[in-house]
């Protein structure tokens, strides 16, 4: 097994809108899509589509969405033995995408909030077979902390995507992760510093390095990604694309980076490829269905390999 993704799954309810309605106003949206999402699930699907063997540890509800979510994991070749049914609603994410491809998202955690440290202990033997643990913040923080501690105990590298931004996140309790991958907003919240310029971002990233995190990878949208370590920093530029829907682009980036890093150990190269993969994903609507397979990715961008 290559990657253990411990985290969330949601059903995405995507409305494509001309504008957000005002308070008390009802407007018509020109299009709607329903799909499988959630940061954890998205990252797992992206890595699996590229060819990684992925173990998913998550909880679904006891409603109509649950069976569809489990079937989606199976369809993408993801190990589903720790996708646990729960006496709760499944997680959902109403998403609104405007004509400039900007998105606004509401998260209802549902069963995701019930994924527990005990669930991780039950999966320990299989998690121990993986080469990387990938985490996000759409589950209980104590479960995130338990997963980080488990990675440390098992000697498995851990990647934390601190999203959605959580003011209560303890830097002390996540400092042992090998990779932290925030966007600018999340970096500012974790570090308590401004991120208005690249110099600001470097200084904010230094706070995380000083805490003990080895690699701070700041996603900058179309500008690319800034990789900061104790020995220096590297700006890896993004690619210019005609964006149609940016939903799930950050998850595409993390899933792709995880896949290539596990297979090669080359951080810079994995980040470069992840930029292309995430950029490609925003040229299509939806989340997981916008992610390219490994074959399609190489066909579209063969010159970058």
Protein backbone atom coordinates (compact mmCIF):
# COMPACT_ATOMS: atom_id res chain seq x y z
CA UNK A 1 0.00 0.00 0.00
CA UNK A 2 1.30 3.48 -0.89
CA UNK A 3 -0.82 6.13 0.83
CA UNK A 4 -3.21 6.16 3.80
CA UNK A 5 -5.67 9.04 3.54
CA UNK A 6 -7.32 9.66 6.90
CA UNK A 7 -10.08 12.19 6.54
CA UNK A 8 -13.34 13.32 5.11
CA UNK A 9 -15.79 12.44 2.41
CA UNK A 10 -18.69 14.62 1.32
CA UNK A 11 -21.37 14.75 -1.29
CA UNK A 12 -20.78 17.90 -3.35
CA UNK A 13 -23.92 19.85 -4.27
CA UNK A 14 -22.55 22.25 -6.88
CA UNK A 15 -24.61 25.21 -8.13
CA UNK A 16 -23.17 27.26 -11.00
CA UNK A 17 -24.43 30.80 -10.45
CA UNK A 18 -24.33 34.19 -12.13
CA UNK A 19 -24.07 35.87 -8.72
CA UNK A 20 -24.76 35.19 -5.05
CA UNK A 21 -28.32 36.10 -4.00
CA UNK A 22 -28.91 38.93 -1.57
CA UNK A 23 -30.56 38.28 1.78
CA UNK A 24 -34.15 37.12 1.24
CA UNK A 25 -33.67 36.89 -2.54
CA UNK A 26 -34.30 33.85 -4.72
CA UNK A 27 -32.44 33.61 -8.03
CA UNK A 28 -32.16 30.96 -10.72
CA UNK A 29 -28.89 29.08 -11.21
CA UNK A 30 -28.10 28.02 -14.79
CA UNK A 31 -26.58 24.64 -13.87
CA UNK A 32 -26.22 22.11 -11.05
CA UNK A 33 -24.09 19.02 -10.48
CA UNK A 34 -24.01 16.40 -7.75
CA UNK A 35 -20.75 14.60 -7.14
CA UNK A 36 -18.57 12.84 -4.60
CA UNK A 37 -16.15 15.08 -2.75
CA UNK A 38 -14.66 15.96 0.62
CA UNK A 39 -11.01 16.91 0.94
CA UNK A 40 -9.88 13.47 2.08
CA UNK A 41 -11.83 11.64 -0.59
CA UNK A 42 -10.69 14.05 -3.30
CA UNK A 43 -7.03 13.61 -2.38
CA UNK A 44 -7.44 9.84 -2.26
CA UNK A 45 -9.13 9.73 -5.66
CA UNK A 46 -6.51 11.97 -7.29
CA UNK A 47 -3.66 9.78 -6.02
CA UNK A 48 -5.48 6.60 -7.02
CA UNK A 49 -6.29 7.90 -10.51
CA UNK A 50 -2.57 8.54 -10.99
CA UNK A 51 -1.74 4.97 -10.00
CA UNK A 52 -1.11 4.91 -6.24
CA UNK A 53 -2.51 2.20 -4.00
CA UNK A 54 -4.64 4.10 -1.50
CA UNK A 55 -6.17 3.11 1.84
CA UNK A 56 -9.05 5.37 2.96
CA UNK A 57 -10.02 5.74 6.62
CA UNK A 58 -13.31 7.65 6.95
CA UNK A 59 -16.92 7.50 8.13
CA UNK A 60 -20.09 7.76 6.05
CA UNK A 61 -23.66 8.16 7.26
CA UNK A 62 -26.71 5.90 7.13
CA UNK A 63 -28.51 7.76 4.36
CA UNK A 64 -28.87 7.52 0.58
CA UNK A 65 -25.52 9.23 0.05
CA UNK A 66 -23.51 6.59 1.95
CA UNK A 67 -23.79 3.67 -0.47
CA UNK A 68 -23.04 5.95 -3.41
CA UNK A 69 -19.92 7.24 -1.66
CA UNK A 70 -18.68 3.72 -0.89
CA UNK A 71 -19.35 2.65 -4.48
CA UNK A 72 -17.37 5.66 -5.69
CA UNK A 73 -14.35 4.67 -3.61
CA UNK A 74 -14.55 1.12 -4.96
CA UNK A 75 -14.90 2.38 -8.53
CA UNK A 76 -11.65 4.30 -8.12
CA UNK A 77 -9.80 1.27 -6.75
CA UNK A 78 -9.46 2.62 -3.20
CA UNK A 79 -9.23 0.14 -0.32
CA UNK A 80 -12.60 0.51 1.44
CA UNK A 81 -12.27 -1.78 4.46
CA UNK A 82 -12.10 1.22 6.84
CA UNK A 83 -14.92 3.23 5.29
CA UNK A 84 -17.23 2.92 8.26
CA UNK A 85 -21.01 3.31 8.28
CA UNK A 86 -22.29 5.57 11.05
CA UNK A 87 -25.65 6.37 12.62
CA UNK A 88 -25.55 9.94 11.35
CA UNK A 89 -26.00 11.95 8.18
CA UNK A 90 -23.29 11.79 5.55
CA UNK A 91 -21.14 14.86 5.09
CA UNK A 92 -22.34 17.30 2.45
CA UNK A 93 -20.82 20.36 0.80
CA UNK A 94 -23.08 22.90 -0.92
CA UNK A 95 -20.77 24.68 -3.38
CA UNK A 96 -21.47 27.86 -5.37
CA UNK A 97 -19.33 28.63 -8.42
CA UNK A 98 -19.68 32.03 -10.12
CA UNK A 99 -18.93 33.06 -13.69
CA UNK A 100 -15.37 34.03 -12.77
CA UNK A 101 -14.79 30.44 -11.50
CA UNK A 102 -14.64 31.63 -7.89
CA UNK A 103 -16.21 29.24 -5.39
CA UNK A 104 -17.89 29.54 -2.02
CA UNK A 105 -18.34 26.36 0.03
CA UNK A 106 -20.38 25.35 3.09
CA UNK A 107 -19.25 22.19 4.88
CA UNK A 108 -21.62 20.02 6.92
CA UNK A 109 -19.34 17.44 8.56
CA UNK A 110 -22.01 14.89 9.47
CA UNK A 111 -20.44 11.45 9.97
CA UNK A 112 -16.97 12.89 9.34
CA UNK A 113 -17.05 14.48 12.80
CA UNK A 114 -17.40 11.00 14.34
CA UNK A 115 -14.20 9.51 12.93
CA UNK A 116 -12.28 8.77 16.13
CA UNK A 117 -8.78 7.91 17.37
CA UNK A 118 -10.18 4.45 18.17
CA UNK A 119 -11.05 4.02 14.48
CA UNK A 120 -7.40 4.71 13.65
CA UNK A 121 -6.21 2.17 16.20
CA UNK A 122 -8.45 -0.43 14.57
CA UNK A 123 -6.75 0.34 11.25
CA UNK A 124 -3.20 0.58 12.66
CA UNK A 125 -1.96 -2.70 11.20
CA UNK A 126 -2.90 -1.65 7.66
CA UNK A 127 -1.85 1.98 8.07
CA UNK A 128 1.56 0.65 9.09
CA UNK A 129 1.98 -0.84 5.61
CA UNK A 130 1.70 2.61 3.94
CA UNK A 131 4.50 4.97 2.90
CA UNK A 132 2.69 8.25 3.59
CA UNK A 133 -0.22 9.43 5.75
CA UNK A 134 -2.31 12.28 4.34
CA UNK A 135 -4.55 14.41 6.61
CA UNK A 136 -6.91 17.39 6.41
CA UNK A 137 -9.12 19.24 8.93
CA UNK A 138 -12.65 18.16 7.99
CA UNK A 139 -12.57 15.61 10.81
CA UNK A 140 -12.22 15.94 14.59
CA UNK A 141 -8.92 17.62 15.53
CA UNK A 142 -8.19 15.00 18.19
CA UNK A 143 -8.34 12.37 15.44
CA UNK A 144 -5.93 14.43 13.34
CA UNK A 145 -3.52 14.69 16.29
CA UNK A 146 -3.84 10.93 16.93
CA UNK A 147 -3.00 10.21 13.28
CA UNK A 148 0.08 12.44 13.46
CA UNK A 149 1.21 10.65 16.61
CA UNK A 150 0.59 7.28 14.96
CA UNK A 151 2.71 8.29 11.98
CA UNK A 152 5.49 9.27 14.36
CA UNK A 153 5.24 5.97 16.23
CA UNK A 154 5.23 3.93 13.01
CA UNK A 155 7.96 5.96 11.29
CA UNK A 156 5.65 6.95 8.44
CA UNK A 157 5.92 10.46 6.95
CA UNK A 158 2.82 12.62 7.44
CA UNK A 159 1.41 15.32 5.17
CA UNK A 160 -1.08 17.73 6.74
CA UNK A 161 -3.33 19.95 4.65
CA UNK A 162 -4.61 22.40 7.32
CA UNK A 163 -7.91 23.03 5.56
CA UNK A 164 -10.49 24.24 6.15
CA UNK A 165 -8.67 26.83 8.25
CA UNK A 166 -9.07 26.06 11.97
CA UNK A 167 -8.17 28.80 14.48
CA UNK A 168 -7.96 26.19 17.25
CA UNK A 169 -5.30 24.10 15.47
CA UNK A 170 -2.34 23.54 17.83
CA UNK A 171 0.99 24.10 16.12
CA UNK A 172 2.62 22.28 19.01
CA UNK A 173 0.63 19.13 18.25
CA UNK A 174 1.28 19.14 14.49
CA UNK A 175 4.95 20.13 14.53
CA UNK A 176 6.17 16.58 13.83
CA UNK A 177 4.57 16.38 10.37
CA UNK A 178 6.97 16.10 7.44
CA UNK A 179 4.90 18.28 5.12
CA UNK A 180 2.35 20.99 5.83
CA UNK A 181 0.48 22.33 2.81
CA UNK A 182 -1.55 25.47 3.59
CA UNK A 183 -2.83 28.13 1.25
CA UNK A 184 -2.10 31.77 2.07
CA UNK A 185 -5.16 32.24 4.29
CA UNK A 186 -4.42 29.09 6.27
CA UNK A 187 -0.76 30.02 6.64
CA UNK A 188 -1.71 33.41 8.05
CA UNK A 189 -4.07 31.85 10.55
CA UNK A 190 -1.56 29.24 11.75
CA UNK A 191 1.39 31.63 11.95
CA UNK A 192 -0.47 34.73 13.14
CA UNK A 193 1.37 36.76 10.50
CA UNK A 194 0.41 38.68 7.33
CA UNK A 195 0.82 37.08 3.92
CA UNK A 196 0.41 40.08 1.62
CA UNK A 197 3.71 39.62 -0.22
CA UNK A 198 6.06 36.74 -0.99
CA UNK A 199 8.39 38.08 1.68
CA UNK A 200 5.50 38.02 4.16
CA UNK A 201 4.71 34.44 3.15
CA UNK A 202 8.35 33.41 3.66
CA UNK A 203 8.38 34.99 7.11
CA UNK A 204 5.11 33.29 8.04
CA UNK A 205 6.43 29.96 6.80
CA UNK A 206 9.51 30.45 8.99
CA UNK A 207 7.25 30.34 12.05
CA UNK A 208 6.21 26.81 11.08
CA UNK A 209 9.82 25.81 10.39
CA UNK A 210 10.87 27.13 13.79
CA UNK A 211 8.19 24.96 15.38
CA UNK A 212 9.84 21.88 13.87
CA UNK A 213 8.00 21.19 10.61
CA UNK A 214 10.46 20.09 7.93
CA UNK A 215 8.70 21.26 4.76
CA UNK A 216 6.25 24.14 4.41
CA UNK A 217 4.52 24.08 1.02
CA UNK A 218 2.35 27.16 0.45
CA UNK A 219 -0.09 26.93 -2.45
CA UNK A 220 -0.51 30.27 -4.23
CA UNK A 221 -3.24 29.50 -6.76
CA UNK A 222 -2.31 30.50 -10.30
CA UNK A 223 1.06 31.80 -9.06
CA UNK A 224 2.20 28.30 -8.18
CA UNK A 225 3.67 27.09 -4.90
CA UNK A 226 6.36 28.25 -2.48
CA UNK A 227 8.39 25.44 -0.89
CA UNK A 228 10.22 26.56 2.25
CA UNK A 229 12.73 24.55 4.30
CA UNK A 230 15.44 25.39 6.81
CA UNK A 231 17.98 25.40 3.98
CA UNK A 232 16.11 27.80 1.69
CA UNK A 233 13.03 28.29 -0.43
CA UNK A 234 11.92 27.64 -4.00
CA UNK A 235 9.07 29.22 -5.95
CA UNK A 236 7.62 26.75 -8.42
CA UNK A 237 5.45 28.65 -10.87
CA UNK A 238 1.95 27.60 -11.82
CA UNK A 239 0.64 27.18 -15.35
CA UNK A 240 -1.66 29.49 -17.30
CA UNK A 241 -5.03 27.87 -18.02
CA UNK A 242 -8.58 28.86 -18.93
CA UNK A 243 -10.19 28.10 -15.55
CA UNK A 244 -13.79 26.88 -15.52
CA UNK A 245 -14.10 25.63 -11.92
CA UNK A 246 -11.42 25.87 -9.23
CA UNK A 247 -13.28 23.61 -6.77
CA UNK A 248 -11.02 20.80 -5.56
CA UNK A 249 -7.85 22.13 -7.20
CA UNK A 250 -5.96 22.13 -3.90
CA UNK A 251 -6.95 18.51 -3.32
CA UNK A 252 -5.81 17.60 -6.84
CA UNK A 253 -2.46 19.21 -6.03
CA UNK A 254 -2.03 17.24 -2.80
CA UNK A 255 -3.13 13.93 -4.29
CA UNK A 256 -0.72 14.36 -7.19
CA UNK A 257 2.17 15.51 -5.00
CA UNK A 258 1.61 12.53 -2.68
CA UNK A 259 1.58 10.09 -5.59
CA UNK A 260 4.78 11.31 -7.18
CA UNK A 261 6.64 11.87 -3.91
CA UNK A 262 5.89 8.33 -2.72
CA UNK A 263 7.12 6.90 -6.02
CA UNK A 264 10.21 9.10 -6.43
CA UNK A 265 11.12 10.86 -3.16
CA UNK A 266 11.83 14.01 -5.22
CA UNK A 267 9.98 16.92 -3.58
CA UNK A 268 10.73 19.61 -6.17
CA UNK A 269 9.78 17.43 -9.10
CA UNK A 270 6.62 16.22 -7.36
CA UNK A 271 5.60 19.83 -6.69
CA UNK A 272 6.21 20.78 -10.32
CA UNK A 273 4.02 17.94 -11.58
CA UNK A 274 1.35 18.71 -8.97
CA UNK A 275 1.15 22.30 -10.26
CA UNK A 276 0.37 20.99 -13.73
CA UNK A 277 -2.12 18.44 -12.43
CA UNK A 278 -4.02 20.99 -10.34
CA UNK A 279 -3.96 23.51 -13.20
CA UNK A 280 -5.35 20.93 -15.56
CA UNK A 281 -8.17 20.07 -13.14
CA UNK A 282 -9.63 23.60 -13.14
CA UNK A 283 -10.21 23.49 -16.90
CA UNK A 284 -13.14 21.11 -16.26
CA UNK A 285 -16.19 21.38 -14.01
CA UNK A 286 -16.59 19.36 -10.83
CA UNK A 287 -14.15 17.95 -8.32
CA UNK A 288 -13.11 14.31 -8.61
CA UNK A 289 -14.39 13.94 -12.15
CA UNK A 290 -12.14 16.81 -13.22
CA UNK A 291 -9.02 14.87 -12.15
CA UNK A 292 -7.01 13.24 -14.91
CA UNK A 293 -5.94 9.62 -14.83
CA UNK A 294 -2.23 8.94 -15.05
CA UNK A 295 -2.62 8.01 -18.70
CA UNK A 296 -4.57 11.17 -19.54
CA UNK A 297 -2.15 13.34 -17.59
CA UNK A 298 0.85 12.03 -19.50
CA UNK A 299 -1.01 12.37 -22.79
CA UNK A 300 -1.83 16.03 -22.11
CA UNK A 301 1.55 17.00 -20.67
CA UNK A 302 3.98 14.43 -21.99
CA UNK A 303 6.68 17.06 -22.49
CA UNK A 304 6.95 17.79 -18.74
CA UNK A 305 7.93 14.26 -17.73
